[in-house]
Structure formats: C-alpha cells, structure tokens
Amino acid sequence: AEEGELLPKLQDLLDSARIDAPPAGWLPRELSSLGQSVCTHVFSKGDLAWNCRTCQVDDTCVICNECFLDGTHEGHDILFYYAAPDGCCDCGDPDAWSPDGFCKRHQRKHGPNDSQALIETISPPLLGVLEGVVGGVVGALG
C-alpha cells in the first residue's frame, strides 16, 4: 500500500478500536507508565492517597489509589485519606517507599530487552488496540 493509503486505513482502525475504549485519557496515561520506574500521578483535591506504615520511609510518603490497588499490602499497617492537591505518588521511588510495596507497573523487574515482562505491564484494553494497529499496518503493507 502507498503511504497516502496507509494513514486513512490506520485512522479507521484506531476509530473502530474506540468503540469499546475506556474513558478519555486512558491511552496517554497507559503509554506514559510503560517502562517507567516511578509513578507520576499528581494528586487532585479528593483523590485517595494511601499510607502504608510497613512500606513508607516516613509519614509524608504516600501512593495513589491505582498503585495501591495494583500492589501487595496484605497484612500491612495501612490507612487512606483524601489528598490535598499537588502532592505526588511515591510508588517506584526507593528513597520513599520499600520496593516490596511497589505496584506491578513500577517494579523494576524487567530490563530493556525483556519484552514479555513489558507486555505484562500493558493493560488489556491497550494491548488489544496495539495488536489491532500492528495487525492493520502489517495487513496494509502486505
């Protein structure tokens, strides 16, 4: 396929993938976290913030709700509160949080060449979109 034909086909594929897509903003959020070792979530007023006295270095260290739910804190001394704006999640930062308490997305278990471990960090909706895009591009080129 010529370059001029490829872009419309790719756009159609992306548009069709949006039918069952999660809420707005999910794709940039997913892409920004891939391979990233530290969470970049900045708290807004009313967001849930979690303290885990077992994992945190001091009382100022917190993690966001998403990292908490994706982590392993069973049996830990935990509490939550509604965050004030502008704080940030400490998940993935060994100076603030025990690596044993990092969520699955911010654990440093994979190296740059371990593609299977990286694939396991991608959420199913994003993985489906990526598979569809790659398949559509390969089909259009073939």
N, C-alpha and C. Protein backbone atom coordinates (compact mmCIF):
# COMPACT_ATOMS: atom_id res chain seq x y z
N ALA A 1 0.84 -1.18 0.00
CA ALA A 1 0.00 0.00 0.00
C ALA A 1 0.88 1.25 0.00
N GLU A 2 0.40 2.28 -0.66
CA GLU A 2 1.15 3.53 -0.70
C GLU A 2 0.96 4.30 0.59
N GLU A 3 1.88 5.21 0.86
CA GLU A 3 1.85 5.98 2.10
C GLU A 3 0.54 6.73 2.26
N GLY A 4 0.01 7.28 1.20
CA GLY A 4 -1.25 8.03 1.27
C GLY A 4 -2.44 7.17 1.64
N GLU A 5 -2.38 5.87 1.31
CA GLU A 5 -3.47 4.96 1.65
C GLU A 5 -3.34 4.42 3.08
N LEU A 6 -2.13 4.38 3.60
CA LEU A 6 -1.88 3.80 4.90
C LEU A 6 -2.48 4.62 6.04
N LEU A 7 -2.34 5.92 5.99
CA LEU A 7 -2.83 6.76 7.07
C LEU A 7 -4.34 6.65 7.25
N PRO A 8 -5.15 6.73 6.19
CA PRO A 8 -6.60 6.57 6.39
C PRO A 8 -6.97 5.18 6.94
N LYS A 9 -6.26 4.14 6.49
CA LYS A 9 -6.55 2.80 7.00
C LYS A 9 -6.21 2.70 8.49
N LEU A 10 -5.10 3.30 8.87
CA LEU A 10 -4.69 3.30 10.27
C LEU A 10 -5.70 4.09 11.10
N GLN A 11 -6.16 5.23 10.60
CA GLN A 11 -7.15 6.03 11.32
C GLN A 11 -8.46 5.26 11.48
N ASP A 12 -8.90 4.56 10.42
CA ASP A 12 -10.12 3.75 10.52
C ASP A 12 -9.98 2.67 11.58
N LEU A 13 -8.81 2.05 11.62
CA LEU A 13 -8.56 1.01 12.61
C LEU A 13 -8.60 1.60 14.02
N LEU A 14 -7.98 2.74 14.21
CA LEU A 14 -8.00 3.38 15.52
C LEU A 14 -9.41 3.80 15.91
N ASP A 15 -10.18 4.34 14.95
CA ASP A 15 -11.56 4.74 15.22
C ASP A 15 -12.41 3.53 15.63
N SER A 16 -12.22 2.40 14.95
CA SER A 16 -13.01 1.22 15.28
C SER A 16 -12.62 0.68 16.65
N ALA A 17 -11.37 0.87 17.04
CA ALA A 17 -10.92 0.40 18.36
C ALA A 17 -11.52 1.23 19.48
N ARG A 18 -11.96 2.43 19.20
CA ARG A 18 -12.51 3.31 20.22
C ARG A 18 -13.93 2.94 20.64
N ILE A 19 -14.56 2.04 19.93
CA ILE A 19 -15.94 1.68 20.23
C ILE A 19 -16.07 1.21 21.68
N ASP A 20 -15.19 0.32 22.12
CA ASP A 20 -15.25 -0.20 23.47
C ASP A 20 -14.11 0.35 24.33
N ALA A 21 -13.57 1.48 23.96
CA ALA A 21 -12.42 2.04 24.66
C ALA A 21 -12.81 2.55 26.04
N PRO A 22 -11.86 2.50 26.96
CA PRO A 22 -12.09 3.07 28.30
C PRO A 22 -12.26 4.58 28.23
N PRO A 23 -12.49 5.23 29.36
CA PRO A 23 -12.74 6.68 29.38
C PRO A 23 -11.60 7.50 28.79
N ALA A 24 -11.92 8.72 28.43
CA ALA A 24 -10.93 9.63 27.83
C ALA A 24 -9.70 9.73 28.72
N GLY A 25 -8.55 9.80 28.09
CA GLY A 25 -7.30 9.98 28.82
C GLY A 25 -6.61 8.69 29.19
N TRP A 26 -7.23 7.53 28.94
CA TRP A 26 -6.61 6.28 29.36
C TRP A 26 -5.37 5.96 28.53
N LEU A 27 -5.37 6.25 27.23
CA LEU A 27 -4.23 5.88 26.39
C LEU A 27 -2.97 6.66 26.77
N PRO A 28 -3.02 7.99 26.88
CA PRO A 28 -1.80 8.69 27.29
C PRO A 28 -1.30 8.24 28.67
N ARG A 29 -2.24 7.96 29.58
CA ARG A 29 -1.85 7.52 30.93
C ARG A 29 -1.15 6.17 30.85
N GLU A 30 -1.70 5.24 30.06
CA GLU A 30 -1.08 3.92 29.92
C GLU A 30 0.29 4.03 29.26
N LEU A 31 0.37 4.80 28.19
CA LEU A 31 1.64 4.92 27.49
C LEU A 31 2.70 5.60 28.34
N SER A 32 2.29 6.56 29.16
CA SER A 32 3.28 7.26 29.98
C SER A 32 3.85 6.39 31.07
N SER A 33 3.11 5.34 31.46
CA SER A 33 3.60 4.50 32.55
C SER A 33 4.42 3.30 32.08
N LEU A 34 4.41 3.00 30.78
CA LEU A 34 5.15 1.84 30.30
C LEU A 34 6.64 2.01 30.53
N GLY A 35 7.22 1.05 31.20
CA GLY A 35 8.65 1.06 31.42
C GLY A 35 9.12 2.14 32.37
N GLN A 36 8.20 2.87 32.94
CA GLN A 36 8.56 3.96 33.83
C GLN A 36 8.70 3.39 35.23
N SER A 37 9.76 3.78 35.92
CA SER A 37 10.00 3.18 37.22
C SER A 37 9.33 3.94 38.37
N VAL A 38 8.95 5.19 38.18
CA VAL A 38 8.32 5.97 39.24
C VAL A 38 6.98 6.51 38.75
N CYS A 39 5.97 6.39 39.60
CA CYS A 39 4.65 6.91 39.24
C CYS A 39 4.72 8.44 39.15
N THR A 40 3.99 8.99 38.22
CA THR A 40 3.99 10.45 38.04
C THR A 40 2.64 11.06 38.38
N HIS A 41 1.78 10.29 39.06
CA HIS A 41 0.45 10.80 39.39
C HIS A 41 0.56 11.98 40.36
N VAL A 42 -0.03 13.10 39.98
CA VAL A 42 -0.12 14.26 40.86
C VAL A 42 -1.54 14.30 41.41
N PHE A 43 -1.66 14.36 42.72
CA PHE A 43 -2.96 14.31 43.37
C PHE A 43 -3.79 15.56 43.11
N SER A 44 -5.07 15.35 42.88
CA SER A 44 -6.06 16.42 42.82
C SER A 44 -6.85 16.37 44.12
N LYS A 45 -7.50 17.46 44.44
CA LYS A 45 -8.30 17.50 45.66
C LYS A 45 -9.32 16.36 45.64
N GLY A 46 -9.34 15.59 46.70
CA GLY A 46 -10.30 14.50 46.81
C GLY A 46 -9.80 13.15 46.35
N ASP A 47 -8.63 13.06 45.70
CA ASP A 47 -8.07 11.76 45.31
C ASP A 47 -7.75 10.96 46.56
N LEU A 48 -7.88 9.64 46.47
CA LEU A 48 -7.47 8.80 47.58
C LEU A 48 -5.94 8.71 47.60
N ALA A 49 -5.35 8.88 48.77
CA ALA A 49 -3.91 8.70 48.98
C ALA A 49 -3.75 7.64 50.06
N TRP A 50 -2.80 6.75 49.87
CA TRP A 50 -2.61 5.64 50.80
C TRP A 50 -1.29 5.76 51.52
N ASN A 51 -1.32 5.54 52.83
CA ASN A 51 -0.12 5.37 53.63
C ASN A 51 -0.02 3.89 53.96
N CYS A 52 1.17 3.36 53.88
CA CYS A 52 1.43 2.00 54.32
C CYS A 52 2.64 2.12 55.25
N ARG A 53 2.38 2.04 56.54
CA ARG A 53 3.47 2.22 57.50
C ARG A 53 4.50 1.12 57.39
N THR A 54 4.15 0.02 56.75
CA THR A 54 5.09 -1.07 56.53
C THR A 54 6.06 -0.73 55.40
N CYS A 55 5.60 0.01 54.40
CA CYS A 55 6.41 0.28 53.19
C CYS A 55 7.00 1.68 53.12
N GLN A 56 6.32 2.68 53.67
CA GLN A 56 6.77 4.06 53.51
C GLN A 56 8.01 4.34 54.36
N VAL A 57 8.84 5.27 53.89
CA VAL A 57 10.03 5.66 54.61
C VAL A 57 9.67 6.60 55.77
N ASP A 58 8.71 7.52 55.53
CA ASP A 58 8.23 8.41 56.60
C ASP A 58 6.77 8.74 56.33
N ASP A 59 6.16 9.50 57.23
CA ASP A 59 4.73 9.78 57.14
C ASP A 59 4.33 10.64 55.95
N THR A 60 5.28 11.28 55.29
CA THR A 60 4.95 12.11 54.13
C THR A 60 4.86 11.29 52.84
N CYS A 61 5.29 10.06 52.89
CA CYS A 61 5.32 9.20 51.69
C CYS A 61 3.97 8.51 51.51
N VAL A 62 3.40 8.65 50.31
CA VAL A 62 2.08 8.10 50.01
C VAL A 62 2.08 7.52 48.60
N ILE A 63 1.08 6.69 48.33
CA ILE A 63 0.88 6.21 46.96
C ILE A 63 -0.56 6.48 46.56
N CYS A 64 -0.77 6.57 45.25
CA CYS A 64 -2.11 6.83 44.71
C CYS A 64 -2.96 5.55 44.79
N ASN A 65 -4.24 5.70 44.61
CA ASN A 65 -5.16 4.58 44.71
C ASN A 65 -4.85 3.50 43.68
N GLU A 66 -4.53 3.91 42.46
CA GLU A 66 -4.25 2.93 41.40
C GLU A 66 -3.04 2.07 41.76
N CYS A 67 -1.97 2.70 42.26
CA CYS A 67 -0.78 1.94 42.66
C CYS A 67 -1.07 1.05 43.87
N PHE A 68 -1.86 1.57 44.81
CA PHE A 68 -2.21 0.76 45.98
C PHE A 68 -2.96 -0.50 45.55
N LEU A 69 -3.97 -0.34 44.70
CA LEU A 69 -4.78 -1.48 44.28
C LEU A 69 -3.98 -2.48 43.46
N ASP A 70 -2.92 -2.02 42.79
CA ASP A 70 -2.09 -2.89 41.96
C ASP A 70 -0.86 -3.40 42.72
N GLY A 71 -0.78 -3.11 44.01
CA GLY A 71 0.36 -3.54 44.82
C GLY A 71 -0.02 -4.67 45.75
N THR A 72 0.90 -5.02 46.63
CA THR A 72 0.67 -6.09 47.59
C THR A 72 0.92 -5.55 48.99
N HIS A 73 -0.17 -5.24 49.68
CA HIS A 73 -0.07 -4.67 51.03
C HIS A 73 -0.90 -5.47 52.04
N GLU A 74 -1.20 -6.72 51.69
CA GLU A 74 -1.97 -7.56 52.59
C GLU A 74 -1.21 -7.76 53.90
N GLY A 75 -1.90 -7.53 55.01
CA GLY A 75 -1.28 -7.69 56.31
C GLY A 75 -0.44 -6.50 56.76
N HIS A 76 -0.37 -5.44 55.92
CA HIS A 76 0.41 -4.25 56.26
C HIS A 76 -0.42 -3.28 57.08
N ASP A 77 0.24 -2.36 57.74
CA ASP A 77 -0.40 -1.31 58.53
C ASP A 77 -0.73 -0.15 57.59
N ILE A 78 -1.98 -0.11 57.10
CA ILE A 78 -2.36 0.86 56.07
C ILE A 78 -3.48 1.78 56.53
N LEU A 79 -3.54 2.95 55.91
CA LEU A 79 -4.66 3.86 56.08
C LEU A 79 -4.75 4.72 54.83
N PHE A 80 -5.90 5.32 54.60
CA PHE A 80 -6.07 6.20 53.45
C PHE A 80 -6.71 7.50 53.90
N TYR A 81 -6.57 8.50 53.05
CA TYR A 81 -7.21 9.79 53.29
C TYR A 81 -7.44 10.45 51.96
N TYR A 82 -8.20 11.53 51.97
CA TYR A 82 -8.45 12.29 50.75
C TYR A 82 -7.35 13.34 50.62
N ALA A 83 -6.62 13.28 49.53
CA ALA A 83 -5.43 14.10 49.34
C ALA A 83 -5.76 15.56 49.07
N ALA A 84 -4.82 16.40 49.46
CA ALA A 84 -4.83 17.80 49.05
C ALA A 84 -4.19 17.85 47.67
N PRO A 85 -4.46 18.89 46.90
CA PRO A 85 -3.86 18.96 45.55
C PRO A 85 -2.35 19.15 45.59
N ASP A 86 -1.72 18.66 44.52
CA ASP A 86 -0.31 18.90 44.20
C ASP A 86 0.71 17.95 44.82
N GLY A 87 0.33 17.06 45.69
CA GLY A 87 1.28 16.04 46.14
C GLY A 87 1.46 15.02 45.02
N CYS A 88 2.43 14.15 45.13
CA CYS A 88 2.61 13.14 44.08
C CYS A 88 2.81 11.76 44.70
N CYS A 89 2.53 10.76 43.91
CA CYS A 89 2.65 9.37 44.32
C CYS A 89 4.13 8.98 44.41
N ASP A 90 4.48 8.24 45.44
CA ASP A 90 5.87 7.81 45.66
C ASP A 90 6.16 6.39 45.19
N CYS A 91 5.18 5.74 44.57
CA CYS A 91 5.40 4.37 44.12
C CYS A 91 6.54 4.32 43.11
N GLY A 92 7.47 3.42 43.31
CA GLY A 92 8.61 3.26 42.43
C GLY A 92 9.84 4.02 42.89
N ASP A 93 9.71 4.85 43.91
CA ASP A 93 10.84 5.63 44.42
C ASP A 93 11.41 4.93 45.66
N PRO A 94 12.56 4.27 45.53
CA PRO A 94 13.11 3.53 46.67
C PRO A 94 13.58 4.43 47.81
N ASP A 95 13.70 5.74 47.56
CA ASP A 95 14.06 6.65 48.64
C ASP A 95 12.84 7.00 49.51
N ALA A 96 11.65 6.66 49.03
CA ALA A 96 10.42 7.00 49.75
C ALA A 96 9.60 5.77 50.13
N TRP A 97 9.81 4.68 49.42
CA TRP A 97 8.92 3.53 49.55
C TRP A 97 9.72 2.25 49.41
N SER A 98 9.37 1.23 50.18
CA SER A 98 10.05 -0.07 50.07
C SER A 98 9.74 -0.70 48.71
N PRO A 99 10.75 -1.17 47.99
CA PRO A 99 10.48 -1.83 46.70
C PRO A 99 9.50 -3.00 46.80
N ASP A 100 9.41 -3.64 47.95
CA ASP A 100 8.45 -4.73 48.12
C ASP A 100 7.01 -4.23 48.03
N GLY A 101 6.80 -2.93 48.23
CA GLY A 101 5.45 -2.36 48.17
C GLY A 101 5.13 -1.65 46.87
N PHE A 102 6.06 -1.69 45.90
CA PHE A 102 5.77 -1.07 44.60
C PHE A 102 4.66 -1.86 43.90
N CYS A 103 3.85 -1.15 43.12
CA CYS A 103 2.83 -1.84 42.33
C CYS A 103 3.50 -2.56 41.15
N LYS A 104 2.72 -3.35 40.44
CA LYS A 104 3.26 -4.12 39.32
C LYS A 104 3.83 -3.23 38.22
N ARG A 105 3.23 -2.06 38.00
CA ARG A 105 3.70 -1.18 36.93
C ARG A 105 5.01 -0.50 37.25
N HIS A 106 5.32 -0.34 38.54
CA HIS A 106 6.51 0.42 38.90
C HIS A 106 7.62 -0.43 39.52
N GLN A 107 7.45 -1.74 39.48
CA GLN A 107 8.52 -2.63 39.91
C GLN A 107 9.60 -2.63 38.84
N ARG A 108 10.81 -2.80 39.24
CA ARG A 108 11.92 -2.78 38.28
C ARG A 108 12.41 -4.19 38.00
N LYS A 109 11.50 -5.06 37.65
CA LYS A 109 11.86 -6.45 37.41
C LYS A 109 12.28 -6.72 35.97
N HIS A 110 12.03 -5.81 35.07
CA HIS A 110 12.35 -6.08 33.67
C HIS A 110 13.41 -5.12 33.16
N GLY A 111 14.24 -5.65 32.32
CA GLY A 111 15.25 -4.86 31.67
C GLY A 111 14.74 -4.40 30.33
N PRO A 112 15.53 -3.59 29.60
CA PRO A 112 15.05 -3.04 28.34
C PRO A 112 14.82 -4.09 27.26
N ASN A 113 15.38 -5.29 27.41
CA ASN A 113 15.22 -6.31 26.38
C ASN A 113 14.23 -7.41 26.77
N ASP A 114 13.59 -7.28 27.92
CA ASP A 114 12.66 -8.29 28.37
C ASP A 114 11.25 -7.92 27.91
N SER A 115 10.95 -8.23 26.66
CA SER A 115 9.69 -7.78 26.06
C SER A 115 8.48 -8.45 26.70
N GLN A 116 8.59 -9.70 27.13
CA GLN A 116 7.44 -10.37 27.74
C GLN A 116 7.05 -9.68 29.05
N ALA A 117 8.03 -9.30 29.86
CA ALA A 117 7.72 -8.60 31.11
C ALA A 117 7.08 -7.25 30.82
N LEU A 118 7.55 -6.57 29.76
CA LEU A 118 6.96 -5.28 29.40
C LEU A 118 5.52 -5.47 28.93
N ILE A 119 5.27 -6.50 28.12
CA ILE A 119 3.92 -6.77 27.64
C ILE A 119 2.98 -7.03 28.81
N GLU A 120 3.46 -7.69 29.86
CA GLU A 120 2.63 -7.98 31.01
C GLU A 120 2.23 -6.73 31.78
N THR A 121 2.96 -5.61 31.59
CA THR A 121 2.61 -4.37 32.27
C THR A 121 1.56 -3.57 31.50
N ILE A 122 1.25 -3.97 30.27
CA ILE A 122 0.28 -3.24 29.45
C ILE A 122 -1.12 -3.73 29.78
N SER A 123 -2.02 -2.80 30.00
CA SER A 123 -3.40 -3.18 30.34
C SER A 123 -4.04 -3.88 29.14
N PRO A 124 -5.00 -4.78 29.39
CA PRO A 124 -5.66 -5.49 28.29
C PRO A 124 -6.29 -4.58 27.23
N PRO A 125 -6.98 -3.47 27.60
CA PRO A 125 -7.54 -2.62 26.54
C PRO A 125 -6.47 -2.03 25.63
N LEU A 126 -5.36 -1.57 26.21
CA LEU A 126 -4.29 -1.01 25.40
C LEU A 126 -3.64 -2.09 24.55
N LEU A 127 -3.43 -3.26 25.11
CA LEU A 127 -2.83 -4.35 24.35
C LEU A 127 -3.70 -4.71 23.15
N GLY A 128 -5.02 -4.73 23.33
CA GLY A 128 -5.92 -5.02 22.22
C GLY A 128 -5.81 -3.98 21.11
N VAL A 129 -5.74 -2.71 21.49
CA VAL A 129 -5.60 -1.64 20.50
C VAL A 129 -4.26 -1.79 19.76
N LEU A 130 -3.19 -2.03 20.50
CA LEU A 130 -1.87 -2.16 19.87
C LEU A 130 -1.82 -3.34 18.91
N GLU A 131 -2.41 -4.47 19.32
CA GLU A 131 -2.45 -5.64 18.44
C GLU A 131 -3.23 -5.32 17.16
N GLY A 132 -4.36 -4.61 17.32
CA GLY A 132 -5.16 -4.25 16.15
C GLY A 132 -4.42 -3.30 15.22
N VAL A 133 -3.71 -2.32 15.79
CA VAL A 133 -2.96 -1.37 14.97
C VAL A 133 -1.85 -2.07 14.22
N VAL A 134 -1.07 -2.89 14.93
CA VAL A 134 0.03 -3.61 14.28
C VAL A 134 -0.50 -4.53 13.20
N GLY A 135 -1.58 -5.27 13.51
CA GLY A 135 -2.17 -6.15 12.51
C GLY A 135 -2.66 -5.39 11.29
N GLY A 136 -3.30 -4.22 11.52
CA GLY A 136 -3.78 -3.41 10.41
C GLY A 136 -2.66 -2.86 9.56
N VAL A 137 -1.57 -2.42 10.20
CA VAL A 137 -0.43 -1.89 9.46
C VAL A 137 0.22 -3.00 8.64
N VAL A 138 0.41 -4.16 9.25
CA VAL A 138 1.02 -5.28 8.52
C VAL A 138 0.12 -5.69 7.34
N GLY A 139 -1.18 -5.73 7.58
CA GLY A 139 -2.11 -6.07 6.50
C GLY A 139 -2.10 -5.06 5.38
N ALA A 140 -2.00 -3.78 5.73
CA ALA A 140 -1.99 -2.72 4.72
C ALA A 140 -0.69 -2.73 3.92
N LEU A 141 0.40 -3.12 4.56
CA LEU A 141 1.68 -3.17 3.87
C LEU A 141 1.82 -4.40 3.01
N GLY A 142 1.07 -5.46 3.36
CA GLY A 142 1.20 -6.74 2.67
C GLY A 142 0.51 -6.80 1.40
